[in-house]
Amino acid sequence: MVLLRKPCEVILFWDAVFADACDPDRELPLGGYRDLLEFFRGSVEAVDSTSLELTVAGYHGRSPGQVKGIGPYAALVEDRDRNVILLTAEPVAG
């Protein structure tokens, strides 16, 4: 994984492992998504409500909000161009 943090709070990373761990149904580029766009939503509730809003609007929910391994709380939603939107939040310790 390559991670690049920018001062404006934009984080760019290139990673094949995270997508495969969070989305076991992911297909490689022949039929799968090309881009994984992350939007940090700030809270678990915001991730869940945004995911619900997008799926109700007709987008394909690929993975519900959950924590996988040491990663963030995340949900995956596929847009109409077959790119995946990653909605994230830091999980609440409990």
N, C-alpha and C. Protein backbone atom coordinates (compact mmCIF):
# COMPACT_ATOMS: atom_id res chain seq x y z
N MET A 1 0.85 -1.17 0.00
CA MET A 1 0.00 0.00 0.00
C MET A 1 0.89 1.23 0.00
N VAL A 2 0.51 2.22 -0.77
CA VAL A 2 1.19 3.51 -0.80
C VAL A 2 0.21 4.54 -0.25
N LEU A 3 0.64 5.31 0.72
CA LEU A 3 -0.23 6.30 1.36
C LEU A 3 0.42 7.67 1.26
N LEU A 4 -0.34 8.65 0.84
CA LEU A 4 0.16 10.02 0.72
C LEU A 4 -0.83 10.94 1.41
N ARG A 5 -0.42 11.54 2.53
CA ARG A 5 -1.29 12.48 3.25
C ARG A 5 -0.94 13.90 2.82
N LYS A 6 -1.93 14.64 2.41
CA LYS A 6 -1.75 16.02 2.00
C LYS A 6 -2.18 16.94 3.14
N PRO A 7 -1.57 18.14 3.25
CA PRO A 7 -1.91 19.06 4.33
C PRO A 7 -3.38 19.49 4.33
N CYS A 8 -4.05 19.41 3.20
CA CYS A 8 -5.45 19.84 3.12
C CYS A 8 -6.41 18.72 3.55
N GLU A 9 -5.90 17.71 4.23
CA GLU A 9 -6.66 16.58 4.74
C GLU A 9 -7.15 15.63 3.66
N VAL A 10 -6.54 15.70 2.48
CA VAL A 10 -6.82 14.73 1.43
C VAL A 10 -5.81 13.60 1.57
N ILE A 11 -6.29 12.38 1.53
CA ILE A 11 -5.41 11.22 1.63
C ILE A 11 -5.53 10.43 0.33
N LEU A 12 -4.40 10.22 -0.31
CA LEU A 12 -4.37 9.40 -1.52
C LEU A 12 -3.64 8.11 -1.19
N PHE A 13 -4.21 6.98 -1.58
CA PHE A 13 -3.48 5.73 -1.40
C PHE A 13 -3.81 4.78 -2.54
N TRP A 14 -2.83 3.94 -2.81
CA TRP A 14 -2.96 2.92 -3.84
C TRP A 14 -2.79 1.58 -3.14
N ASP A 15 -3.82 0.76 -3.22
CA ASP A 15 -3.81 -0.48 -2.45
C ASP A 15 -4.70 -1.51 -3.11
N ALA A 16 -4.18 -2.68 -3.35
CA ALA A 16 -4.98 -3.78 -3.88
C ALA A 16 -5.49 -4.67 -2.76
N VAL A 17 -4.84 -4.66 -1.62
CA VAL A 17 -5.19 -5.57 -0.53
C VAL A 17 -6.47 -5.13 0.17
N PHE A 18 -6.62 -3.83 0.46
CA PHE A 18 -7.78 -3.33 1.20
C PHE A 18 -9.07 -3.63 0.44
N ALA A 19 -9.11 -3.34 -0.84
CA ALA A 19 -10.33 -3.57 -1.62
C ALA A 19 -10.70 -5.04 -1.63
N ASP A 20 -9.73 -5.91 -1.79
CA ASP A 20 -10.02 -7.35 -1.81
C ASP A 20 -10.52 -7.84 -0.45
N ALA A 21 -9.98 -7.31 0.63
CA ALA A 21 -10.40 -7.73 1.97
C ALA A 21 -11.82 -7.27 2.28
N CYS A 22 -12.19 -6.07 1.84
CA CYS A 22 -13.51 -5.52 2.15
C CYS A 22 -14.58 -5.94 1.16
N ASP A 23 -14.19 -6.36 -0.01
CA ASP A 23 -15.15 -6.71 -1.05
C ASP A 23 -14.75 -8.03 -1.69
N PRO A 24 -15.11 -9.15 -1.06
CA PRO A 24 -14.69 -10.45 -1.60
C PRO A 24 -15.27 -10.77 -2.98
N ASP A 25 -16.31 -10.06 -3.40
CA ASP A 25 -16.89 -10.29 -4.73
C ASP A 25 -16.26 -9.43 -5.81
N ARG A 26 -15.25 -8.65 -5.45
CA ARG A 26 -14.59 -7.75 -6.41
C ARG A 26 -14.00 -8.55 -7.55
N GLU A 27 -14.24 -8.06 -8.76
CA GLU A 27 -13.66 -8.66 -9.95
C GLU A 27 -12.51 -7.77 -10.40
N LEU A 28 -11.51 -8.36 -10.98
CA LEU A 28 -10.39 -7.58 -11.51
C LEU A 28 -10.83 -6.80 -12.74
N PRO A 29 -10.04 -5.86 -13.23
CA PRO A 29 -10.47 -4.87 -14.21
C PRO A 29 -11.31 -5.30 -15.40
N LEU A 30 -11.27 -6.54 -15.83
CA LEU A 30 -12.11 -6.93 -16.96
C LEU A 30 -13.59 -6.65 -16.70
N GLY A 31 -14.06 -6.89 -15.50
CA GLY A 31 -15.46 -6.67 -15.22
C GLY A 31 -15.70 -5.94 -13.92
N GLY A 32 -14.65 -5.67 -13.17
CA GLY A 32 -14.80 -5.03 -11.88
C GLY A 32 -14.62 -3.53 -11.95
N TYR A 33 -14.56 -2.92 -10.81
CA TYR A 33 -14.43 -1.47 -10.79
C TYR A 33 -12.98 -1.06 -10.99
N ARG A 34 -12.84 0.12 -11.57
CA ARG A 34 -11.51 0.65 -11.89
C ARG A 34 -10.99 1.52 -10.76
N ASP A 35 -11.87 2.30 -10.19
CA ASP A 35 -11.45 3.27 -9.18
C ASP A 35 -12.19 3.01 -7.88
N LEU A 36 -11.52 3.31 -6.78
CA LEU A 36 -12.11 3.23 -5.46
C LEU A 36 -11.94 4.62 -4.85
N LEU A 37 -13.04 5.36 -4.75
CA LEU A 37 -13.01 6.74 -4.28
C LEU A 37 -13.45 6.77 -2.83
N GLU A 38 -12.60 7.29 -1.95
CA GLU A 38 -12.93 7.31 -0.53
C GLU A 38 -13.45 8.67 -0.09
N PHE A 39 -14.52 8.62 0.72
CA PHE A 39 -15.06 9.81 1.34
C PHE A 39 -15.14 9.55 2.84
N PHE A 40 -14.34 10.27 3.61
CA PHE A 40 -14.36 10.13 5.06
C PHE A 40 -15.59 10.85 5.58
N ARG A 41 -16.50 10.11 6.22
CA ARG A 41 -17.77 10.67 6.67
C ARG A 41 -17.76 11.10 8.12
N GLY A 42 -16.73 10.71 8.88
CA GLY A 42 -16.58 11.23 10.23
C GLY A 42 -17.16 10.37 11.33
N SER A 43 -18.31 9.73 11.09
CA SER A 43 -18.91 8.91 12.15
C SER A 43 -19.52 7.66 11.52
N VAL A 44 -19.67 6.64 12.35
CA VAL A 44 -20.31 5.40 11.91
C VAL A 44 -21.72 5.69 11.40
N GLU A 45 -22.45 6.53 12.12
CA GLU A 45 -23.82 6.88 11.72
C GLU A 45 -23.85 7.57 10.36
N ALA A 46 -22.88 8.44 10.10
CA ALA A 46 -22.83 9.14 8.80
C ALA A 46 -22.53 8.16 7.67
N VAL A 47 -21.66 7.19 7.93
CA VAL A 47 -21.37 6.17 6.91
C VAL A 47 -22.65 5.40 6.59
N ASP A 48 -23.33 4.93 7.62
CA ASP A 48 -24.54 4.14 7.41
C ASP A 48 -25.64 4.94 6.72
N SER A 49 -25.83 6.19 7.12
CA SER A 49 -26.91 6.98 6.51
C SER A 49 -26.58 7.34 5.06
N THR A 50 -25.32 7.63 4.76
CA THR A 50 -24.92 7.93 3.38
C THR A 50 -25.05 6.69 2.51
N SER A 51 -24.63 5.55 3.03
CA SER A 51 -24.76 4.29 2.29
C SER A 51 -26.23 4.00 1.98
N LEU A 52 -27.08 4.17 2.97
CA LEU A 52 -28.51 3.95 2.78
C LEU A 52 -29.08 4.92 1.74
N GLU A 53 -28.71 6.18 1.86
CA GLU A 53 -29.19 7.19 0.92
C GLU A 53 -28.82 6.84 -0.52
N LEU A 54 -27.58 6.39 -0.72
CA LEU A 54 -27.12 6.04 -2.07
C LEU A 54 -27.81 4.78 -2.60
N THR A 55 -27.99 3.78 -1.76
CA THR A 55 -28.64 2.55 -2.23
C THR A 55 -30.12 2.79 -2.51
N VAL A 56 -30.78 3.61 -1.72
CA VAL A 56 -32.18 3.95 -1.99
C VAL A 56 -32.30 4.70 -3.32
N ALA A 57 -31.26 5.48 -3.65
CA ALA A 57 -31.26 6.23 -4.91
C ALA A 57 -30.92 5.34 -6.11
N GLY A 58 -30.65 4.06 -5.87
CA GLY A 58 -30.44 3.14 -6.98
C GLY A 58 -29.02 2.66 -7.18
N TYR A 59 -28.10 3.12 -6.35
CA TYR A 59 -26.72 2.64 -6.45
C TYR A 59 -26.61 1.27 -5.79
N HIS A 60 -25.66 0.47 -6.26
CA HIS A 60 -25.51 -0.90 -5.76
C HIS A 60 -24.65 -0.93 -4.50
N GLY A 61 -25.22 -1.38 -3.39
CA GLY A 61 -24.46 -1.54 -2.16
C GLY A 61 -23.62 -2.80 -2.25
N ARG A 62 -22.30 -2.66 -2.25
CA ARG A 62 -21.41 -3.82 -2.37
C ARG A 62 -21.05 -4.41 -1.02
N SER A 63 -21.01 -3.58 0.01
CA SER A 63 -20.65 -4.06 1.34
C SER A 63 -21.25 -3.12 2.38
N PRO A 64 -21.97 -3.65 3.37
CA PRO A 64 -22.53 -2.78 4.41
C PRO A 64 -21.43 -2.24 5.31
N GLY A 65 -21.75 -1.24 6.10
CA GLY A 65 -20.77 -0.68 7.04
C GLY A 65 -20.27 -1.75 8.00
N GLN A 66 -18.96 -1.86 8.11
CA GLN A 66 -18.35 -2.86 8.98
C GLN A 66 -16.87 -2.56 9.14
N VAL A 67 -16.25 -3.18 10.12
CA VAL A 67 -14.80 -3.08 10.32
C VAL A 67 -14.20 -4.41 9.89
N LYS A 68 -13.20 -4.35 9.02
CA LYS A 68 -12.48 -5.55 8.59
C LYS A 68 -11.05 -5.43 9.07
N GLY A 69 -10.63 -6.33 9.93
CA GLY A 69 -9.25 -6.31 10.42
C GLY A 69 -8.95 -5.02 11.17
N ILE A 70 -7.85 -4.38 10.81
CA ILE A 70 -7.44 -3.15 11.49
C ILE A 70 -7.87 -1.90 10.74
N GLY A 71 -8.69 -2.06 9.71
CA GLY A 71 -9.11 -0.92 8.90
C GLY A 71 -10.18 -0.08 9.56
N PRO A 72 -10.64 0.94 8.86
CA PRO A 72 -11.69 1.81 9.39
C PRO A 72 -13.06 1.14 9.27
N TYR A 73 -14.06 1.75 9.88
CA TYR A 73 -15.45 1.37 9.62
C TYR A 73 -15.73 1.83 8.20
N ALA A 74 -16.21 0.93 7.35
CA ALA A 74 -16.34 1.28 5.94
C ALA A 74 -17.53 0.58 5.29
N ALA A 75 -18.14 1.27 4.34
CA ALA A 75 -19.17 0.71 3.48
C ALA A 75 -18.74 0.96 2.04
N LEU A 76 -19.13 0.07 1.13
CA LEU A 76 -18.80 0.21 -0.28
C LEU A 76 -20.08 0.30 -1.10
N VAL A 77 -20.16 1.30 -1.98
CA VAL A 77 -21.31 1.49 -2.86
C VAL A 77 -20.77 1.69 -4.27
N GLU A 78 -21.36 0.99 -5.23
CA GLU A 78 -20.90 1.09 -6.62
C GLU A 78 -21.73 2.11 -7.38
N ASP A 79 -21.06 3.01 -8.10
CA ASP A 79 -21.79 4.01 -8.88
C ASP A 79 -22.19 3.42 -10.24
N ARG A 80 -22.88 4.20 -11.02
CA ARG A 80 -23.40 3.70 -12.30
C ARG A 80 -22.31 3.43 -13.33
N ASP A 81 -21.10 3.97 -13.11
CA ASP A 81 -19.97 3.71 -14.01
C ASP A 81 -19.12 2.55 -13.53
N ARG A 82 -19.59 1.83 -12.51
CA ARG A 82 -18.92 0.68 -11.93
C ARG A 82 -17.66 1.05 -11.16
N ASN A 83 -17.58 2.28 -10.70
CA ASN A 83 -16.53 2.68 -9.77
C ASN A 83 -17.11 2.51 -8.37
N VAL A 84 -16.27 2.27 -7.41
CA VAL A 84 -16.77 2.04 -6.05
C VAL A 84 -16.44 3.22 -5.15
N ILE A 85 -17.45 3.62 -4.39
CA ILE A 85 -17.32 4.69 -3.42
C ILE A 85 -17.12 4.05 -2.06
N LEU A 86 -16.02 4.40 -1.42
CA LEU A 86 -15.69 3.89 -0.09
C LEU A 86 -16.05 4.96 0.92
N LEU A 87 -16.99 4.67 1.78
CA LEU A 87 -17.43 5.60 2.83
C LEU A 87 -16.79 5.14 4.13
N THR A 88 -16.03 6.01 4.79
CA THR A 88 -15.29 5.57 5.99
C THR A 88 -15.49 6.48 7.19
N ALA A 89 -15.22 5.90 8.35
CA ALA A 89 -15.20 6.60 9.62
C ALA A 89 -14.31 5.81 10.56
N GLU A 90 -13.71 6.46 11.51
CA GLU A 90 -12.97 5.74 12.53
C GLU A 90 -13.97 5.06 13.44
N PRO A 91 -13.78 3.76 13.70
CA PRO A 91 -14.74 3.07 14.56
C PRO A 91 -14.68 3.58 16.00
N VAL A 92 -15.83 3.54 16.65
CA VAL A 92 -15.90 3.94 18.05
C VAL A 92 -15.41 2.80 18.91
N ALA A 93 -14.44 3.07 19.78
CA ALA A 93 -13.92 2.03 20.66
C ALA A 93 -15.03 1.59 21.61
N GLY A 94 -15.16 0.32 21.79
CA GLY A 94 -16.25 -0.11 22.64
C GLY A 94 -15.93 -1.38 23.24
